C-alpha atoms as a PDB file:
ATOM      1  CA  MET A   1     -15.129  46.098  31.193  1.00  0.00           C
ATOM      2  CA  LYS A   2     -12.605  48.006  32.821  1.00  0.00           C
ATOM      3  CA  VAL A   3      -8.979  46.674  34.052  1.00  0.00           C
ATOM      4  CA  LYS A   4      -9.675  46.840  37.392  1.00  0.00           C
ATOM      5  CA  ASP A   5     -12.181  44.182  36.864  1.00  0.00           C
ATOM      6  CA  ILE A   6      -9.486  41.709  35.940  1.00  0.00           C
ATOM      7  CA  MET A   7      -6.566  43.047  37.139  1.00  0.00           C
ATOM      8  CA  ARG A   8      -4.753  41.062  39.969  1.00  0.00           C
ATOM      9  CA  SER A   9      -4.751  43.276  42.936  1.00  0.00           C
ATOM     10  CA  THR A  10      -2.210  41.972  45.118  1.00  0.00           C
ATOM     11  CA  VAL A  11       1.039  42.281  42.962  1.00  0.00           C
ATOM     12  CA  ILE A  12       4.963  41.049  44.272  1.00  0.00           C
ATOM     13  CA  CYS A  13       7.191  43.730  43.781  1.00  0.00           C
ATOM     14  CA  CYS A  14      10.812  44.558  44.119  1.00  0.00           C
ATOM     15  CA  ARG A  15      12.987  47.798  44.586  1.00  0.00           C
ATOM     16  CA  PRO A  16      15.968  48.760  42.327  1.00  0.00           C
ATOM     17  CA  ASP A  17      18.754  47.797  44.622  1.00  0.00           C
ATOM     18  CA  SER A  18      17.471  44.427  45.344  1.00  0.00           C
ATOM     19  CA  ASN A  19      19.613  41.535  43.867  1.00  0.00           C
ATOM     20  CA  LEU A  20      18.660  39.269  41.215  1.00  0.00           C
ATOM     21  CA  ALA A  21      18.910  36.545  43.790  1.00  0.00           C
ATOM     22  CA  GLU A  22      16.241  38.124  45.802  1.00  0.00           C
ATOM     23  CA  ALA A  23      13.783  38.669  42.797  1.00  0.00           C
ATOM     24  CA  ALA A  24      14.434  35.224  41.467  1.00  0.00           C
ATOM     25  CA  ASP A  25      13.209  33.955  44.773  1.00  0.00           C
ATOM     26  CA  LEU A  26      10.432  35.977  44.739  1.00  0.00           C
ATOM     27  CA  LEU A  27       9.546  35.125  41.118  1.00  0.00           C
ATOM     28  CA  TRP A  28       9.789  31.743  42.576  1.00  0.00           C
ATOM     29  CA  SER A  29       7.865  31.673  45.202  1.00  0.00           C
ATOM     30  CA  SER A  30       5.029  33.728  43.794  1.00  0.00           C
ATOM     31  CA  ASP A  31       4.765  31.266  40.954  1.00  0.00           C
ATOM     32  CA  CYS A  32       4.932  34.483  38.380  1.00  0.00           C
ATOM     33  CA  GLY A  33       7.353  35.956  35.499  1.00  0.00           C
ATOM     34  CA  VAL A  34       7.758  39.438  36.487  1.00  0.00           C
ATOM     35  CA  LEU A  35       8.255  42.218  39.080  1.00  0.00           C
ATOM     36  CA  PRO A  36       7.144  45.853  39.158  1.00  0.00           C
ATOM     37  CA  VAL A  37      10.175  47.587  40.163  1.00  0.00           C
ATOM     38  CA  VAL A  38       9.021  50.505  42.542  1.00  0.00           C
ATOM     39  CA  ASP A  39      10.166  52.994  44.577  1.00  0.00           C
ATOM     40  CA  THR A  40       9.824  53.703  48.517  1.00  0.00           C
ATOM     41  CA  ALA A  41       6.683  55.442  46.978  1.00  0.00           C
ATOM     42  CA  GLY A  42       5.262  52.745  45.455  1.00  0.00           C
ATOM     43  CA  LYS A  43       5.599  54.268  41.963  1.00  0.00           C
ATOM     44  CA  VAL A  44       6.464  51.719  39.149  1.00  0.00           C
ATOM     45  CA  ILE A  45      10.146  53.001  37.948  1.00  0.00           C
ATOM     46  CA  GLY A  46      11.318  49.485  36.183  1.00  0.00           C
ATOM     47  CA  ILE A  47       9.743  45.909  35.207  1.00  0.00           C
ATOM     48  CA  ILE A  48      12.031  42.619  35.016  1.00  0.00           C
ATOM     49  CA  THR A  49      11.854  39.161  34.128  1.00  0.00           C
ATOM     50  CA  ASP A  50      12.547  36.042  34.792  1.00  0.00           C
ATOM     51  CA  ARG A  51      13.966  36.166  31.129  1.00  0.00           C
ATOM     52  CA  ASP A  52      15.699  39.405  32.165  1.00  0.00           C
ATOM     53  CA  ILE A  53      17.247  37.361  35.072  1.00  0.00           C
ATOM     54  CA  CYS A  54      18.355  34.258  33.264  1.00  0.00           C
ATOM     55  CA  VAL A  55      19.880  36.567  30.767  1.00  0.00           C
ATOM     56  CA  ALA A  56      21.896  38.447  33.072  1.00  0.00           C
ATOM     57  CA  VAL A  57      23.090  35.738  35.047  1.00  0.00           C
ATOM     58  CA  GLY A  58      24.580  33.580  31.966  1.00  0.00           C
ATOM     59  CA  SER A  59      26.153  36.727  30.454  1.00  0.00           C
ATOM     60  CA  ARG A  60      28.182  38.062  33.432  1.00  0.00           C
ATOM     61  CA  ASN A  61      30.656  36.426  35.459  1.00  0.00           C
ATOM     62  CA  CYS A  62      29.106  37.346  38.760  1.00  0.00           C
ATOM     63  CA  ALA A  63      26.522  35.803  41.225  1.00  0.00           C
ATOM     64  CA  PRO A  64      23.228  36.699  41.036  1.00  0.00           C
ATOM     65  CA  SER A  65      23.256  38.073  44.588  1.00  0.00           C
ATOM     66  CA  GLU A  66      26.213  40.327  43.332  1.00  0.00           C
ATOM     67  CA  ILE A  67      23.910  42.037  40.364  1.00  0.00           C
ATOM     68  CA  VAL A  68      21.332  44.451  41.732  1.00  0.00           C
ATOM     69  CA  VAL A  69      17.770  44.843  39.645  1.00  0.00           C
ATOM     70  CA  ARG A  70      18.526  48.307  38.776  1.00  0.00           C
ATOM     71  CA  ASN A  71      21.487  47.304  36.488  1.00  0.00           C
ATOM     72  CA  VAL A  72      19.065  44.786  34.433  1.00  0.00           C
ATOM     73  CA  ALA A  73      15.100  46.057  34.930  1.00  0.00           C
ATOM     74  CA  CYS A  74      13.632  47.750  31.844  1.00  0.00           C
ATOM     75  CA  ALA A  75      13.076  51.139  32.821  1.00  0.00           C
ATOM     76  CA  GLU A  76      10.299  51.467  29.721  1.00  0.00           C
ATOM     77  CA  VAL A  77       7.320  50.557  31.215  1.00  0.00           C
ATOM     78  CA  SER A  78       4.013  49.878  29.331  1.00  0.00           C
ATOM     79  CA  ILE A  79       1.111  50.772  31.854  1.00  0.00           C
ATOM     80  CA  CYS A  80      -2.465  51.055  32.231  1.00  0.00           C
ATOM     81  CA  LYS A  81      -4.907  52.352  34.480  1.00  0.00           C
ATOM     82  CA  GLY A  82      -8.019  50.315  36.614  1.00  0.00           C
ATOM     83  CA  GLU A  83     -10.490  52.715  34.678  1.00  0.00           C
ATOM     84  CA  ASP A  84      -8.921  51.664  31.112  1.00  0.00           C
ATOM     85  CA  ASP A  85     -11.228  49.833  28.980  1.00  0.00           C
ATOM     86  CA  ILE A  86      -9.782  46.208  28.949  1.00  0.00           C
ATOM     87  CA  LEU A  87      -9.443  46.580  24.746  1.00  0.00           C
ATOM     88  CA  PHE A  88      -7.438  49.668  25.536  1.00  0.00           C
ATOM     89  CA  ALA A  89      -5.266  47.614  27.599  1.00  0.00           C
ATOM     90  CA  LEU A  90      -4.923  44.798  25.110  1.00  0.00           C
ATOM     91  CA  ASP A  91      -3.813  47.155  22.540  1.00  0.00           C
ATOM     92  CA  ILE A  92      -0.981  48.440  24.576  1.00  0.00           C
ATOM     93  CA  MET A  93       0.018  45.324  24.771  1.00  0.00           C
ATOM     94  CA  ARG A  94      -0.322  44.295  21.339  1.00  0.00           C
ATOM     95  CA  VAL A  95       1.901  47.314  20.197  1.00  0.00           C
ATOM     96  CA  ASN A  96       4.250  46.770  22.675  1.00  0.00           C
ATOM     97  CA  LEU A  97       4.141  43.094  22.803  1.00  0.00           C
ATOM     98  CA  VAL A  98       4.358  42.746  26.413  1.00  0.00           C
ATOM     99  CA  ARG A  99       2.319  39.832  28.031  1.00  0.00           C
ATOM    100  CA  ARG A 100       2.025  42.332  31.706  1.00  0.00           C
ATOM    101  CA  LEU A 101       0.904  45.428  32.529  1.00  0.00           C
ATOM    102  CA  PRO A 102       1.752  47.303  35.617  1.00  0.00           C
ATOM    103  CA  VAL A 103      -1.477  48.801  37.046  1.00  0.00           C
ATOM    104  CA  VAL A 104      -0.640  52.479  38.138  1.00  0.00           C
ATOM    105  CA  ASN A 105      -3.258  55.555  39.557  1.00  0.00           C
ATOM    106  CA  GLU A 106      -3.136  59.025  38.729  1.00  0.00           C
ATOM    107  CA  ALA A 107       0.462  59.139  40.338  1.00  0.00           C
ATOM    108  CA  GLY A 108       1.820  56.323  39.129  1.00  0.00           C
ATOM    109  CA  ILE A 109       1.629  54.294  42.573  1.00  0.00           C
ATOM    110  CA  LEU A 110       0.737  50.596  41.350  1.00  0.00           C
ATOM    111  CA  GLN A 111      -2.657  49.341  42.236  1.00  0.00           C
ATOM    112  CA  GLY A 112      -2.183  46.073  40.535  1.00  0.00           C
ATOM    113  CA  LEU A 113      -1.067  43.786  37.555  1.00  0.00           C
ATOM    114  CA  LEU A 114      -2.994  42.658  34.347  1.00  0.00           C
ATOM    115  CA  SER A 115      -1.508  39.895  32.498  1.00  0.00           C
ATOM    116  CA  LEU A 116      -2.949  37.904  29.486  1.00  0.00           C
ATOM    117  CA  ASP A 117      -3.406  34.950  31.597  1.00  0.00           C
ATOM    118  CA  ASP A 118      -6.022  36.746  33.332  1.00  0.00           C
ATOM    119  CA  ILE A 119      -7.611  38.334  29.708  1.00  0.00           C
ATOM    120  CA  ILE A 120      -7.582  34.897  28.596  1.00  0.00           C
ATOM    121  CA  LEU A 121      -9.680  33.452  31.441  1.00  0.00           C
ATOM    122  CA  SER A 122     -11.842  35.986  31.107  1.00  0.00           C
ATOM    123  CA  ALA A 123     -12.937  36.267  27.511  1.00  0.00           C
ATOM    124  CA  GLU A 124     -15.865  34.209  26.358  1.00  0.00           C
ATOM    125  CA  SER A 125     -17.092  32.990  22.955  1.00  0.00           C
ATOM    126  CA  THR A 126     -19.089  35.251  20.394  1.00  0.00           C
ATOM    127  CA  GLY A 127     -21.267  31.823  19.905  1.00  0.00           C
ATOM    128  CA  GLY A 128     -23.996  32.985  22.331  1.00  0.00           C
ATOM    129  CA  ILE A 129     -27.077  35.114  22.240  1.00  0.00           C
ATOM    130  CA  THR A 130     -25.771  38.339  23.344  1.00  0.00           C
ATOM    131  CA  LYS A 131     -22.324  39.188  23.105  1.00  0.00           C
ATOM    132  CA  PRO A 132     -19.543  39.337  25.613  1.00  0.00           C
ATOM    133  CA  LYS A 133     -18.107  42.144  27.242  1.00  0.00           C
ATOM    134  CA  LEU A 134     -14.112  40.297  26.182  1.00  0.00           C
ATOM    135  CA  SER A 135     -14.353  37.540  23.413  1.00  0.00           C
ATOM    136  CA  PHE A 136     -11.887  35.337  22.057  1.00  0.00           C
ATOM    137  CA  GLU A 137     -11.900  37.736  18.851  1.00  0.00           C
ATOM    138  CA  ASP A 138     -11.173  40.590  21.070  1.00  0.00           C
ATOM    139  CA  VAL A 139      -7.962  38.606  22.384  1.00  0.00           C
ATOM    140  CA  MET A 140      -6.344  37.132  19.638  1.00  0.00           C
ATOM    141  CA  PRO A 141      -4.590  39.420  17.706  1.00  0.00           C
ATOM    142  CA  VAL A 142      -2.516  40.399  20.688  1.00  0.00           C
ATOM    143  CA  LEU A 143      -1.306  36.724  21.138  1.00  0.00           C
ATOM    144  CA  LYS A 144      -0.476  36.602  17.706  1.00  0.00           C
ATOM    145  CA  ALA A 145       1.290  39.577  17.552  1.00  0.00           C
ATOM    146  CA  ILE A 146       3.151  38.624  20.969  1.00  0.00           C
ATOM    147  CA  CYS A 147       4.181  35.318  19.489  1.00  0.00           C
ATOM    148  CA  GLN A 148       5.151  36.446  16.378  1.00  0.00           C
ATOM    149  CA  HIS A 149       8.467  35.497  16.185  1.00  0.00           C
ATOM    150  CA  HIS A 150      10.578  38.687  16.055  1.00  0.00           C
ATOM    151  CA  ALA A 151      14.133  37.652  14.758  1.00  0.00           C
ATOM    152  CA  LEU A 152      16.937  39.842  15.534  1.00  0.00           C
ATOM    153  CA  PRO A 153      19.991  39.995  13.003  1.00  0.00           C
ATOM    154  CA  LEU A 154      22.474  37.491  13.736  1.00  0.00           C
ATOM    155  CA  SER A 155      26.434  37.784  13.002  1.00  0.00           C
ATOM    156  CA  GLU A 156      27.278  34.266  13.027  1.00  0.00           C
ATOM    157  CA  PRO A 157      25.200  31.297  11.018  1.00  0.00           C
ATOM    158  CA  VAL A 158      22.437  29.368  13.163  1.00  0.00           C
ATOM    159  CA  PHE A 159      22.782  25.526  12.926  1.00  0.00           C
ATOM    160  CA  THR A 160      19.602  23.903  12.505  1.00  0.00           C
ATOM    161  CA  VAL A 161      18.932  20.000  12.974  1.00  0.00           C
END
């Protein structure tokens, strides 16, 4: 199975000079958690998540409309291509601990978005007569890697209840 068989080809994205209020509005209105950041040619140059926006706004003494995406977005983006095998894309997700991959063409132009949600909805049980193109067993190691707690060293004590 190829990435292009599962990916969403309609993708909401933003520009690096968009502000966080605009980005948050796009996330809210499109019911998604990530925006690829593209240049004027449509090339993926970054990615910003709803979490990135929350942390940026919460850690700065500025309104979201005063913070631009380029100052918050991650410039190191894990990507895949539409012709890539879905198992290859799953491995990229597992290694890089990401739930979504922008899908680009050879020039790096955004073509779609592959999400772990879409992959899970396409996976099938191996209990049938024929082996599915994408099984639950293919997806589970990725989920486990992403969901595993990756604790950061803390300088202050943590209080638990």
